[in-house]
Amino acid sequence: MSEGHRGEITLSGLQEIIRETYGAKDAARGDAATFLWLTEEFGELATALRSGTREELAAEMADVLAWLATLANIRGIDLDAAVAAKYGRGCSYCSSIPCICDPAEKP
């Protein structure tokens, strides 16, 4: 993937891009500092939700996803597998598509 990537990106593809691009820096930073960067990006996403343009919102969403992929890489989590295990059969609580849980509940 080091030649660049065009088109659709899967979660595992994103993790690979992040690993190849920033892997050494990410490993040196560690999970605690990476989590702080992720939380900062959530703050920037909140600002974009309140008053940003569509482009700013999209960029902040991409940043949050990239920092989450970074954290997953550092901790050895395959995001494709994690998402499939939790949501691959529908709602993680009622297992239905669409969800039939009480609207007042978490999902």
C-alpha atoms as a PDB file:
ATOM      1  CA  MET A   1       0.000   0.000   0.000  1.00  0.00           C
ATOM      2  CA  SER A   2       3.042   2.283   0.192  1.00  0.00           C
ATOM      3  CA  GLU A   3       2.483   3.445  -3.408  1.00  0.00           C
ATOM      4  CA  GLY A   4      -0.559   5.396  -2.285  1.00  0.00           C
ATOM      5  CA  HIS A   5      -4.191   4.430  -2.157  1.00  0.00           C
ATOM      6  CA  ARG A   6      -7.153   5.575  -4.180  1.00  0.00           C
ATOM      7  CA  GLY A   7     -10.786   4.679  -3.922  1.00  0.00           C
ATOM      8  CA  GLU A   8     -12.609   2.894  -1.152  1.00  0.00           C
ATOM      9  CA  ILE A   9     -10.799   2.327   2.131  1.00  0.00           C
ATOM     10  CA  THR A  10     -11.788  -0.380   4.604  1.00  0.00           C
ATOM     11  CA  LEU A  11     -11.108  -0.112   8.319  1.00  0.00           C
ATOM     12  CA  SER A  12      -8.217  -2.556   7.982  1.00  0.00           C
ATOM     13  CA  GLY A  13      -6.950  -0.569   5.001  1.00  0.00           C
ATOM     14  CA  LEU A  14      -7.064   2.611   7.068  1.00  0.00           C
ATOM     15  CA  GLN A  15      -5.160   0.892   9.857  1.00  0.00           C
ATOM     16  CA  GLU A  16      -2.514  -0.199   7.348  1.00  0.00           C
ATOM     17  CA  ILE A  17      -2.171   3.314   5.900  1.00  0.00           C
ATOM     18  CA  ILE A  18      -1.852   4.791   9.403  1.00  0.00           C
ATOM     19  CA  ARG A  19       0.643   2.078  10.434  1.00  0.00           C
ATOM     20  CA  GLU A  20       2.824   2.605   7.352  1.00  0.00           C
ATOM     21  CA  THR A  21       2.660   6.400   7.594  1.00  0.00           C
ATOM     22  CA  TYR A  22       2.982   6.970  11.340  1.00  0.00           C
ATOM     23  CA  GLY A  23       3.762   3.586  12.928  1.00  0.00           C
ATOM     24  CA  ALA A  24       7.137   4.426  14.463  1.00  0.00           C
ATOM     25  CA  LYS A  25       5.921   7.764  15.850  1.00  0.00           C
ATOM     26  CA  ASP A  26       2.751   6.155  17.180  1.00  0.00           C
ATOM     27  CA  ALA A  27       4.639   3.364  18.940  1.00  0.00           C
ATOM     28  CA  ALA A  28       6.989   5.884  20.546  1.00  0.00           C
ATOM     29  CA  ARG A  29       4.075   8.063  21.705  1.00  0.00           C
ATOM     30  CA  GLY A  30       2.193   5.157  23.259  1.00  0.00           C
ATOM     31  CA  ASP A  31      -1.453   4.627  24.012  1.00  0.00           C
ATOM     32  CA  ALA A  32      -1.948   7.187  26.805  1.00  0.00           C
ATOM     33  CA  ALA A  33      -0.691  10.141  24.742  1.00  0.00           C
ATOM     34  CA  THR A  34      -2.512   8.851  21.670  1.00  0.00           C
ATOM     35  CA  PHE A  35      -5.759   8.725  23.645  1.00  0.00           C
ATOM     36  CA  LEU A  36      -5.234  12.377  24.606  1.00  0.00           C
ATOM     37  CA  TRP A  37      -4.846  13.288  20.910  1.00  0.00           C
ATOM     38  CA  LEU A  38      -8.045  11.337  20.153  1.00  0.00           C
ATOM     39  CA  THR A  39      -9.955  13.251  22.827  1.00  0.00           C
ATOM     40  CA  GLU A  40      -8.644  16.543  21.427  1.00  0.00           C
ATOM     41  CA  GLU A  41      -9.977  15.527  18.018  1.00  0.00           C
ATOM     42  CA  PHE A  42     -13.383  14.817  19.580  1.00  0.00           C
ATOM     43  CA  GLY A  43     -13.355  18.401  20.857  1.00  0.00           C
ATOM     44  CA  GLU A  44     -12.572  19.680  17.370  1.00  0.00           C
ATOM     45  CA  LEU A  45     -15.384  17.501  16.010  1.00  0.00           C
ATOM     46  CA  ALA A  46     -17.775  19.020  18.567  1.00  0.00           C
ATOM     47  CA  THR A  47     -16.802  22.509  17.389  1.00  0.00           C
ATOM     48  CA  ALA A  48     -17.323  21.529  13.754  1.00  0.00           C
ATOM     49  CA  LEU A  49     -20.745  20.070  14.606  1.00  0.00           C
ATOM     50  CA  ARG A  50     -21.776  23.359  16.186  1.00  0.00           C
ATOM     51  CA  SER A  51     -20.416  25.834  13.694  1.00  0.00           C
ATOM     52  CA  GLY A  52     -18.274  24.223  11.017  1.00  0.00           C
ATOM     53  CA  THR A  53     -18.810  23.820   7.329  1.00  0.00           C
ATOM     54  CA  ARG A  54     -19.601  20.426   5.839  1.00  0.00           C
ATOM     55  CA  GLU A  55     -15.959  20.156   4.721  1.00  0.00           C
ATOM     56  CA  GLU A  56     -14.654  20.986   8.218  1.00  0.00           C
ATOM     57  CA  LEU A  57     -17.033  18.443   9.732  1.00  0.00           C
ATOM     58  CA  ALA A  58     -15.878  15.757   7.295  1.00  0.00           C
ATOM     59  CA  ALA A  59     -12.208  16.539   8.021  1.00  0.00           C
ATOM     60  CA  GLU A  60     -12.751  16.301  11.780  1.00  0.00           C
ATOM     61  CA  MET A  61     -14.613  13.014  11.403  1.00  0.00           C
ATOM     62  CA  ALA A  62     -11.690  11.690   9.373  1.00  0.00           C
ATOM     63  CA  ASP A  63      -9.263  12.856  12.074  1.00  0.00           C
ATOM     64  CA  VAL A  64     -11.238  11.091  14.823  1.00  0.00           C
ATOM     65  CA  LEU A  65     -11.301   7.895  12.774  1.00  0.00           C
ATOM     66  CA  ALA A  66      -7.566   8.135  12.038  1.00  0.00           C
ATOM     67  CA  TRP A  67      -6.664   8.616  15.719  1.00  0.00           C
ATOM     68  CA  LEU A  68      -8.936   5.706  16.662  1.00  0.00           C
ATOM     69  CA  ALA A  69      -7.128   3.575  14.059  1.00  0.00           C
ATOM     70  CA  THR A  70      -3.836   4.706  15.574  1.00  0.00           C
ATOM     71  CA  LEU A  71      -4.922   3.652  19.046  1.00  0.00           C
ATOM     72  CA  ALA A  72      -6.154   0.316  17.697  1.00  0.00           C
ATOM     73  CA  ASN A  73      -2.792  -0.247  15.989  1.00  0.00           C
ATOM     74  CA  ILE A  74      -0.870   0.528  19.160  1.00  0.00           C
ATOM     75  CA  ARG A  75      -3.006  -1.917  21.162  1.00  0.00           C
ATOM     76  CA  GLY A  76      -3.091  -4.595  18.438  1.00  0.00           C
ATOM     77  CA  ILE A  77      -6.836  -4.389  17.753  1.00  0.00           C
ATOM     78  CA  ASP A  78      -8.155  -5.260  14.281  1.00  0.00           C
ATOM     79  CA  LEU A  79     -11.005  -2.772  13.842  1.00  0.00           C
ATOM     80  CA  ASP A  80     -12.633  -4.785  11.025  1.00  0.00           C
ATOM     81  CA  ALA A  81     -12.829  -7.829  13.296  1.00  0.00           C
ATOM     82  CA  ALA A  82     -13.953  -5.796  16.319  1.00  0.00           C
ATOM     83  CA  VAL A  83     -16.768  -4.074  14.429  1.00  0.00           C
ATOM     84  CA  ALA A  84     -17.871  -7.326  12.782  1.00  0.00           C
ATOM     85  CA  ALA A  85     -17.949  -9.106  16.143  1.00  0.00           C
ATOM     86  CA  LYS A  86     -19.967  -6.368  17.835  1.00  0.00           C
ATOM     87  CA  TYR A  87     -22.273  -5.140  15.037  1.00  0.00           C
ATOM     88  CA  GLY A  88     -22.050  -7.747  12.276  1.00  0.00           C
ATOM     89  CA  ARG A  89     -25.432  -9.251  13.165  1.00  0.00           C
ATOM     90  CA  GLY A  90     -27.232  -5.966  13.773  1.00  0.00           C
ATOM     91  CA  CYS A  91     -27.873  -4.138  17.010  1.00  0.00           C
ATOM     92  CA  SER A  92     -25.359  -5.196  19.641  1.00  0.00           C
ATOM     93  CA  TYR A  93     -28.200  -5.504  22.192  1.00  0.00           C
ATOM     94  CA  CYS A  94     -31.253  -6.925  20.388  1.00  0.00           C
ATOM     95  CA  SER A  95     -29.424  -8.329  17.299  1.00  0.00           C
ATOM     96  CA  SER A  96     -32.123  -6.883  15.032  1.00  0.00           C
ATOM     97  CA  ILE A  97     -31.856  -4.814  11.869  1.00  0.00           C
ATOM     98  CA  PRO A  98     -33.359  -2.296  12.345  1.00  0.00           C
ATOM     99  CA  CYS A  99     -32.906  -2.086  16.106  1.00  0.00           C
ATOM    100  CA  ILE A 100     -36.042  -2.800  18.128  1.00  0.00           C
ATOM    101  CA  CYS A 101     -34.654  -1.727  21.496  1.00  0.00           C
ATOM    102  CA  ASP A 102     -36.564   0.803  23.583  1.00  0.00           C
ATOM    103  CA  PRO A 103     -35.722   4.273  22.152  1.00  0.00           C
ATOM    104  CA  ALA A 104     -34.818   5.445  25.679  1.00  0.00           C
ATOM    105  CA  GLU A 105     -32.040   2.839  25.857  1.00  0.00           C
ATOM    106  CA  LYS A 106     -28.431   3.240  24.695  1.00  0.00           C
ATOM    107  CA  PRO A 107     -28.476   1.978  21.072  1.00  0.00           C
END
